[in-house]
Amino acid sequence: MKPILLQGHERSITQIKYNREGDLLFTVAKDPIVNVWYSINGERLGTYTGHTGAVWCVDADWDTRHVLTGSADNSCRLWDCETGKQLALVKTNSAVRTCGFDFGGNIIMFSTDKQMGYQCIVNFFDLRDSSQLENDEPYMKIPCHDSKITSAVWGPLGEFIIAGHENGELNQFSAKSGELLINVKEHTKQINDIQTSRDMTMFITASKDNTAKLFDSTTLEHQKSFRTERPVNSAALSPIFDHVVLGGGQEAMDVTTTSTRIGKFEARFFHLGFEEEFGRIKGHFGPINSVAFHPDGKSYSSGGEDGYVRIHYFDPQYFEFEFEA
């Protein structure tokens, strides 16, 4: 399994994301560049230029017409996927940490950081009403007083969002009224990443407390735990098997103090049902910051602190693999 190496960033990768068909892979990093690649061969299709700071998050809508990015330059931008043209710019008071389209692609949500005296806020814009974006007036704002949001995704059917916080809490907010529907705290430290399953009935969280956990999307009921010895930066669910991939490593500030061998920068595969690790894939010269499964489940990608994105196509043995309990 020789990976395809994508070199398009000068700084560490912050997020990678496939579109719904999986033919495109969007990558963002701590440089202002937003890249899009063909996932089949790793050819770079183009860039979306305009940001002036680190880009924290990226999302594409379900028919890959629009791309949404959120950045530390205090802006959230909407792009035309095909042409790379910037369609809208929403200015914020602090860095945009998470962003996402709902399933229909009509409503966007993004959250801003708690910094410089501003609190963490989740904003909701309806793209069908162009005046909202032009006047910077979201139809709803949800303030988060206690702990800032570090990761957030839309729930099924766009009825609510699931937000992970710096203190390890998970909150479910209604996208209609903005009220807090459910609050759970299964993690002891910051939630770095949340990704839903293909059918959006479940989601997996990756946390600084060295675990990834599986939850039910509707009830936020905790189902499974996957434990490692290091902080988990990202976790993804396979769309075809009961497999989970975890990417992690260590704190960015500790990276230079250890040799690459001790660093343990492998992507780790766990069985969803048995919570057992069954494989590792080496590759990155630094912690893995973001992992994603291809929607057909035949490959996965990882983006690292080393600024590289690697696309791994699974060998035939992976598909014949039977887990022995």
Protein backbone atom coordinates (compact mmCIF):
# COMPACT_ATOMS: atom_id res chain seq x y z
CA MET A 1 0.00 0.00 0.00
CA LYS A 2 2.05 2.90 -1.29
CA PRO A 3 0.43 6.19 -0.31
CA ILE A 4 -0.08 9.15 -2.62
CA LEU A 5 1.74 12.11 -1.13
CA LEU A 6 0.12 15.53 -1.54
CA GLN A 7 2.46 18.49 -1.13
CA GLY A 8 0.42 21.66 -1.25
CA HIS A 9 0.91 23.29 2.13
CA GLU A 10 3.81 25.02 3.84
CA ARG A 11 2.39 24.64 7.35
CA SER A 12 0.78 21.87 9.35
CA ILE A 13 -2.56 20.49 8.14
CA THR A 14 -5.61 21.49 10.18
CA GLN A 15 -8.40 19.59 8.39
CA ILE A 16 -8.99 17.37 5.38
CA LYS A 17 -12.41 16.54 3.98
CA TYR A 18 -13.83 14.52 1.08
CA ASN A 19 -16.87 15.68 -0.81
CA ARG A 20 -19.90 13.37 -0.79
CA GLU A 21 -18.92 11.41 -3.92
CA GLY A 22 -15.32 11.23 -2.77
CA ASP A 23 -13.78 12.31 -6.07
CA LEU A 24 -12.40 15.48 -4.46
CA LEU A 25 -10.35 16.00 -1.32
CA PHE A 26 -10.24 19.44 0.32
CA THR A 27 -7.28 20.28 2.54
CA VAL A 28 -6.62 23.30 4.76
CA ALA A 29 -3.64 24.14 6.91
CA LYS A 30 -2.07 26.79 9.09
CA ASP A 31 -1.19 28.66 5.90
CA PRO A 32 -3.83 30.73 4.04
CA ILE A 33 -4.15 28.24 1.16
CA VAL A 34 -7.22 26.07 0.60
CA ASN A 35 -6.40 23.20 -1.75
CA VAL A 36 -8.63 20.78 -3.64
CA TRP A 37 -7.25 17.53 -5.11
CA TYR A 38 -8.45 14.62 -7.20
CA SER A 39 -8.53 11.79 -4.67
CA ILE A 40 -7.97 9.11 -7.34
CA ASN A 41 -4.44 10.19 -8.29
CA GLY A 42 -3.54 13.09 -6.01
CA GLU A 43 -3.50 15.68 -8.79
CA ARG A 44 -4.12 19.20 -7.54
CA LEU A 45 -7.24 20.63 -9.12
CA GLY A 46 -6.85 24.14 -7.77
CA THR A 47 -6.78 26.50 -4.83
CA TYR A 48 -9.18 28.95 -3.22
CA THR A 49 -7.18 32.08 -2.46
CA GLY A 50 -8.30 34.97 -0.30
CA HIS A 51 -7.66 34.08 3.33
CA THR A 52 -4.89 35.94 5.13
CA GLY A 53 -4.43 33.63 8.13
CA ALA A 54 -4.41 29.99 9.18
CA VAL A 55 -7.48 28.14 7.91
CA TRP A 56 -9.03 25.98 10.62
CA CYS A 57 -11.92 24.29 8.85
CA VAL A 58 -13.37 23.40 5.47
CA ASP A 59 -16.61 21.82 4.22
CA ALA A 60 -18.29 21.12 0.88
CA ASP A 61 -22.05 20.91 0.39
CA TRP A 62 -23.72 17.70 -0.72
CA ASP A 63 -23.63 18.37 -4.48
CA THR A 64 -20.15 19.95 -4.31
CA ARG A 65 -21.25 23.32 -5.64
CA HIS A 66 -20.02 25.41 -2.73
CA VAL A 67 -17.07 25.25 -0.37
CA LEU A 68 -17.01 26.84 3.07
CA THR A 69 -13.84 27.78 4.95
CA GLY A 70 -13.22 29.34 8.35
CA SER A 71 -10.01 31.05 9.25
CA ALA A 72 -7.95 32.74 11.97
CA ASP A 73 -8.14 35.93 9.85
CA ASN A 74 -11.56 36.42 11.51
CA SER A 75 -13.60 35.44 8.49
CA CYS A 76 -15.76 32.66 7.12
CA ARG A 77 -15.83 32.47 3.32
CA LEU A 78 -18.09 30.80 0.79
CA TRP A 79 -16.56 29.74 -2.54
CA ASP A 80 -17.78 28.47 -5.87
CA CYS A 81 -16.25 24.99 -5.94
CA GLU A 82 -15.75 24.80 -9.70
CA THR A 83 -14.33 28.24 -10.45
CA GLY A 84 -12.68 29.09 -7.13
CA LYS A 85 -14.53 32.42 -7.02
CA GLN A 86 -15.30 33.85 -3.60
CA LEU A 87 -19.08 34.19 -3.29
CA ALA A 88 -19.41 35.58 0.22
CA LEU A 89 -17.31 36.82 3.10
CA VAL A 90 -18.57 36.93 6.67
CA LYS A 91 -16.40 38.96 9.02
CA THR A 92 -16.23 37.87 12.66
CA ASN A 93 -14.72 39.25 15.85
CA SER A 94 -12.49 36.25 16.46
CA ALA A 95 -11.10 33.21 14.63
CA VAL A 96 -13.57 30.81 12.98
CA ARG A 97 -12.88 27.37 14.44
CA THR A 98 -15.52 25.09 12.89
CA CYS A 99 -17.86 25.36 9.91
CA GLY A 100 -20.32 23.16 8.07
CA PHE A 101 -23.21 22.89 5.61
CA ASP A 102 -26.39 21.17 6.68
CA PHE A 103 -27.49 18.16 4.63
CA GLY A 104 -29.51 20.22 2.16
CA GLY A 105 -26.61 22.63 1.62
CA ASN A 106 -28.87 25.64 2.30
CA ILE A 107 -27.83 26.51 5.83
CA ILE A 108 -24.32 27.05 7.10
CA MET A 109 -23.15 27.14 10.66
CA PHE A 110 -19.80 28.23 12.02
CA SER A 111 -18.41 28.86 15.47
CA THR A 112 -15.99 31.56 16.55
CA ASP A 113 -13.28 31.33 19.19
CA LYS A 114 -13.35 32.83 22.63
CA GLN A 115 -10.51 35.33 22.39
CA MET A 116 -9.68 39.03 22.67
CA GLY A 117 -12.62 39.62 24.99
CA TYR A 118 -15.15 38.10 22.59
CA GLN A 119 -17.07 35.00 23.58
CA CYS A 120 -17.57 31.85 21.57
CA ILE A 121 -20.64 32.12 19.31
CA VAL A 122 -22.28 29.71 16.85
CA ASN A 123 -23.72 31.55 13.84
CA PHE A 124 -26.38 30.21 11.47
CA PHE A 125 -26.91 31.68 8.00
CA ASP A 126 -29.54 30.67 5.45
CA LEU A 127 -27.93 30.88 2.00
CA ARG A 128 -31.35 31.17 0.31
CA ASP A 129 -31.71 34.61 1.88
CA SER A 130 -28.82 36.57 0.36
CA SER A 131 -29.39 39.58 2.63
CA GLN A 132 -28.17 37.59 5.65
CA LEU A 133 -24.68 37.18 4.22
CA GLU A 134 -24.52 40.66 2.71
CA ASN A 135 -25.50 42.38 5.96
CA ASP A 136 -23.61 39.98 8.22
CA GLU A 137 -26.86 39.13 9.96
CA PRO A 138 -27.21 35.44 10.88
CA TYR A 139 -30.77 34.25 11.50
CA MET A 140 -29.57 32.81 14.79
CA LYS A 141 -26.66 33.13 17.19
CA ILE A 142 -25.97 30.76 20.07
CA PRO A 143 -23.53 32.12 22.66
CA CYS A 144 -21.38 29.64 24.60
CA HIS A 145 -20.44 31.17 27.91
CA ASP A 146 -18.63 28.37 29.70
CA SER A 147 -16.20 26.58 27.44
CA LYS A 148 -15.42 27.34 23.81
CA ILE A 149 -16.41 25.02 20.97
CA THR A 150 -13.46 23.16 19.48
CA SER A 151 -15.36 20.98 17.01
CA ALA A 152 -18.92 20.87 15.68
CA VAL A 153 -20.97 18.94 13.11
CA TRP A 154 -24.54 18.93 11.83
CA GLY A 155 -26.82 16.16 13.04
CA PRO A 156 -29.05 14.14 10.70
CA LEU A 157 -31.62 16.10 8.62
CA GLY A 158 -30.16 19.42 9.76
CA GLU A 159 -32.36 19.60 12.85
CA PHE A 160 -29.54 20.19 15.32
CA ILE A 161 -25.78 20.55 15.63
CA ILE A 162 -23.48 18.57 17.89
CA ALA A 163 -20.71 20.64 19.47
CA GLY A 164 -17.63 19.44 21.30
CA HIS A 165 -16.08 21.79 23.84
CA GLU A 166 -12.68 22.58 25.30
CA ASN A 167 -13.67 21.09 28.66
CA GLY A 168 -14.75 17.75 27.13
CA GLU A 169 -18.49 18.44 27.08
CA LEU A 170 -20.78 17.52 24.20
CA ASN A 171 -23.80 19.71 23.53
CA GLN A 172 -26.69 19.30 21.14
CA PHE A 173 -28.18 22.62 20.01
CA SER A 174 -31.41 22.96 18.03
CA ALA A 175 -30.83 24.61 14.64
CA LYS A 176 -34.37 26.03 14.74
CA SER A 177 -34.61 27.59 18.20
CA GLY A 178 -30.98 27.56 19.34
CA GLU A 179 -31.85 25.95 22.65
CA LEU A 180 -29.58 23.42 24.34
CA LEU A 181 -31.26 20.04 23.88
CA ILE A 182 -28.78 17.62 25.47
CA ASN A 183 -25.55 18.03 27.44
CA VAL A 184 -23.20 15.12 28.21
CA LYS A 185 -19.65 14.96 29.52
CA GLU A 186 -17.88 11.70 28.70
CA HIS A 187 -14.45 13.17 27.96
CA THR A 188 -12.19 14.70 30.59
CA LYS A 189 -10.27 16.98 28.20
CA GLN A 190 -10.76 18.96 25.00
CA ILE A 191 -12.63 17.38 22.08
CA ASN A 192 -10.42 17.85 19.02
CA ASP A 193 -12.62 16.39 16.31
CA ILE A 194 -16.14 15.08 15.66
CA GLN A 195 -17.08 13.06 12.57
CA THR A 196 -20.41 11.41 11.77
CA SER A 197 -21.00 7.99 10.27
CA ARG A 198 -22.10 7.77 6.62
CA ASP A 199 -25.80 7.61 7.57
CA MET A 200 -25.32 10.22 10.35
CA THR A 201 -26.88 7.99 13.02
CA MET A 202 -23.64 7.87 15.00
CA PHE A 203 -20.62 10.08 15.47
CA ILE A 204 -17.13 9.63 16.84
CA THR A 205 -15.22 12.12 18.96
CA ALA A 206 -11.45 12.44 19.30
CA SER A 207 -10.12 13.93 22.49
CA LYS A 208 -6.98 15.15 24.19
CA ASP A 209 -7.73 12.67 27.01
CA ASN A 210 -6.20 9.90 24.80
CA THR A 211 -9.55 8.38 23.80
CA ALA A 212 -11.99 8.38 20.91
CA LYS A 213 -15.63 7.65 21.72
CA LEU A 214 -18.65 6.60 19.71
CA PHE A 215 -22.03 8.24 20.41
CA ASP A 216 -25.59 8.03 19.15
CA SER A 217 -26.36 11.23 17.20
CA THR A 218 -29.92 11.68 18.44
CA THR A 219 -29.61 10.78 22.13
CA LEU A 220 -25.86 11.49 22.61
CA GLU A 221 -25.72 8.12 24.34
CA HIS A 222 -22.15 6.86 24.74
CA GLN A 223 -21.65 3.52 22.92
CA LYS A 224 -17.96 2.62 22.60
CA SER A 225 -14.50 3.82 23.66
CA PHE A 226 -11.15 3.48 21.90
CA ARG A 227 -8.13 4.06 24.14
CA THR A 228 -4.58 5.02 23.20
CA GLU A 229 -1.55 6.34 25.11
CA ARG A 230 -1.48 9.67 23.29
CA PRO A 231 -3.84 12.55 22.58
CA VAL A 232 -6.21 11.72 19.70
CA ASN A 233 -6.46 14.59 17.20
CA SER A 234 -8.91 13.04 14.76
CA ALA A 235 -11.07 9.94 14.30
CA ALA A 236 -13.14 8.68 11.38
CA LEU A 237 -15.66 5.86 10.84
CA SER A 238 -15.42 3.53 7.86
CA PRO A 239 -18.54 3.67 5.65
CA ILE A 240 -18.38 -0.04 4.74
CA PHE A 241 -16.78 -1.87 7.70
CA ASP A 242 -17.03 -1.65 11.47
CA HIS A 243 -13.66 0.05 11.51
CA VAL A 244 -12.39 3.25 13.10
CA VAL A 245 -9.18 5.07 12.21
CA LEU A 246 -7.55 7.31 14.82
CA GLY A 247 -4.85 9.88 14.17
CA GLY A 248 -2.91 11.57 16.91
CA GLY A 249 0.50 11.83 18.41
CA GLN A 250 1.35 14.52 20.85
CA GLU A 251 1.07 18.19 21.58
CA ALA A 252 2.52 20.33 18.79
CA MET A 253 4.80 22.07 21.29
CA ASP A 254 6.40 18.78 22.37
CA VAL A 255 7.13 17.60 18.84
CA THR A 256 10.72 18.80 18.54
CA THR A 257 11.79 17.11 21.78
CA THR A 258 11.38 13.51 20.60
CA SER A 259 12.88 11.48 17.79
CA THR A 260 10.55 10.36 14.99
CA ARG A 261 10.76 6.75 16.12
CA ILE A 262 9.55 7.49 19.63
CA GLY A 263 6.95 9.85 18.23
CA LYS A 264 4.50 7.04 17.36
CA PHE A 265 2.86 8.87 14.49
CA GLU A 266 0.84 6.00 13.11
CA ALA A 267 -2.75 5.96 12.05
CA ARG A 268 -4.37 3.31 14.24
CA PHE A 269 -7.23 1.07 13.18
CA PHE A 270 -9.73 -0.22 15.72
CA HIS A 271 -12.69 -2.55 15.40
CA LEU A 272 -15.88 -0.68 16.16
CA GLY A 273 -17.61 -3.50 17.98
CA PHE A 274 -14.75 -5.10 19.92
CA GLU A 275 -12.88 -1.82 20.67
CA GLU A 276 -9.66 -3.70 19.78
CA GLU A 277 -6.79 -2.30 17.73
CA PHE A 278 -5.97 -4.44 14.70
CA GLY A 279 -3.56 -2.39 12.60
CA ARG A 280 -1.32 0.63 12.28
CA ILE A 281 -0.02 2.59 9.33
CA LYS A 282 3.15 4.62 9.64
CA GLY A 283 4.01 7.58 7.50
CA HIS A 284 3.90 11.05 8.98
CA PHE A 285 6.92 12.80 10.50
CA GLY A 286 4.78 14.35 13.17
CA PRO A 287 1.36 14.04 14.76
CA ILE A 288 -1.61 13.31 12.52
CA ASN A 289 -4.03 16.24 12.78
CA SER A 290 -6.88 15.03 10.59
CA VAL A 291 -8.06 11.69 9.17
CA ALA A 292 -10.92 10.94 6.78
CA PHE A 293 -12.31 7.83 5.11
CA HIS A 294 -13.18 7.95 1.43
CA PRO A 295 -16.99 7.64 1.09
CA ASP A 296 -16.55 4.27 -0.70
CA GLY A 297 -14.42 2.94 2.17
CA LYS A 298 -11.63 1.75 -0.14
CA SER A 299 -9.10 4.36 0.92
CA TYR A 300 -8.43 6.85 3.67
CA SER A 301 -6.39 10.04 3.95
CA SER A 302 -4.44 11.65 6.74
CA GLY A 303 -3.04 15.15 7.16
CA GLY A 304 -0.15 15.78 9.53
CA GLU A 305 1.81 18.34 11.46
CA ASP A 306 4.50 17.84 8.76
CA GLY A 307 2.27 19.63 6.20
CA TYR A 308 1.76 16.54 4.06
CA VAL A 309 -1.49 14.82 3.16
CA ARG A 310 -1.26 11.11 2.42
CA ILE A 311 -3.94 9.17 0.53
CA HIS A 312 -3.77 5.45 1.34
CA TYR A 313 -5.53 2.91 -0.87
CA PHE A 314 -6.18 -0.30 1.03
CA ASP A 315 -4.66 -3.59 -0.14
CA PRO A 316 -6.98 -6.48 -1.12
CA GLN A 317 -6.11 -8.21 2.20
CA TYR A 318 -7.87 -5.42 4.09
CA PHE A 319 -11.19 -6.30 2.47
CA GLU A 320 -10.78 -10.02 3.20
CA PHE A 321 -9.72 -9.42 6.79
CA GLU A 322 -11.82 -11.26 9.37
CA PHE A 323 -11.62 -10.07 12.95
CA GLU A 324 -11.11 -12.96 15.36
CA ALA A 325 -12.78 -12.24 18.67
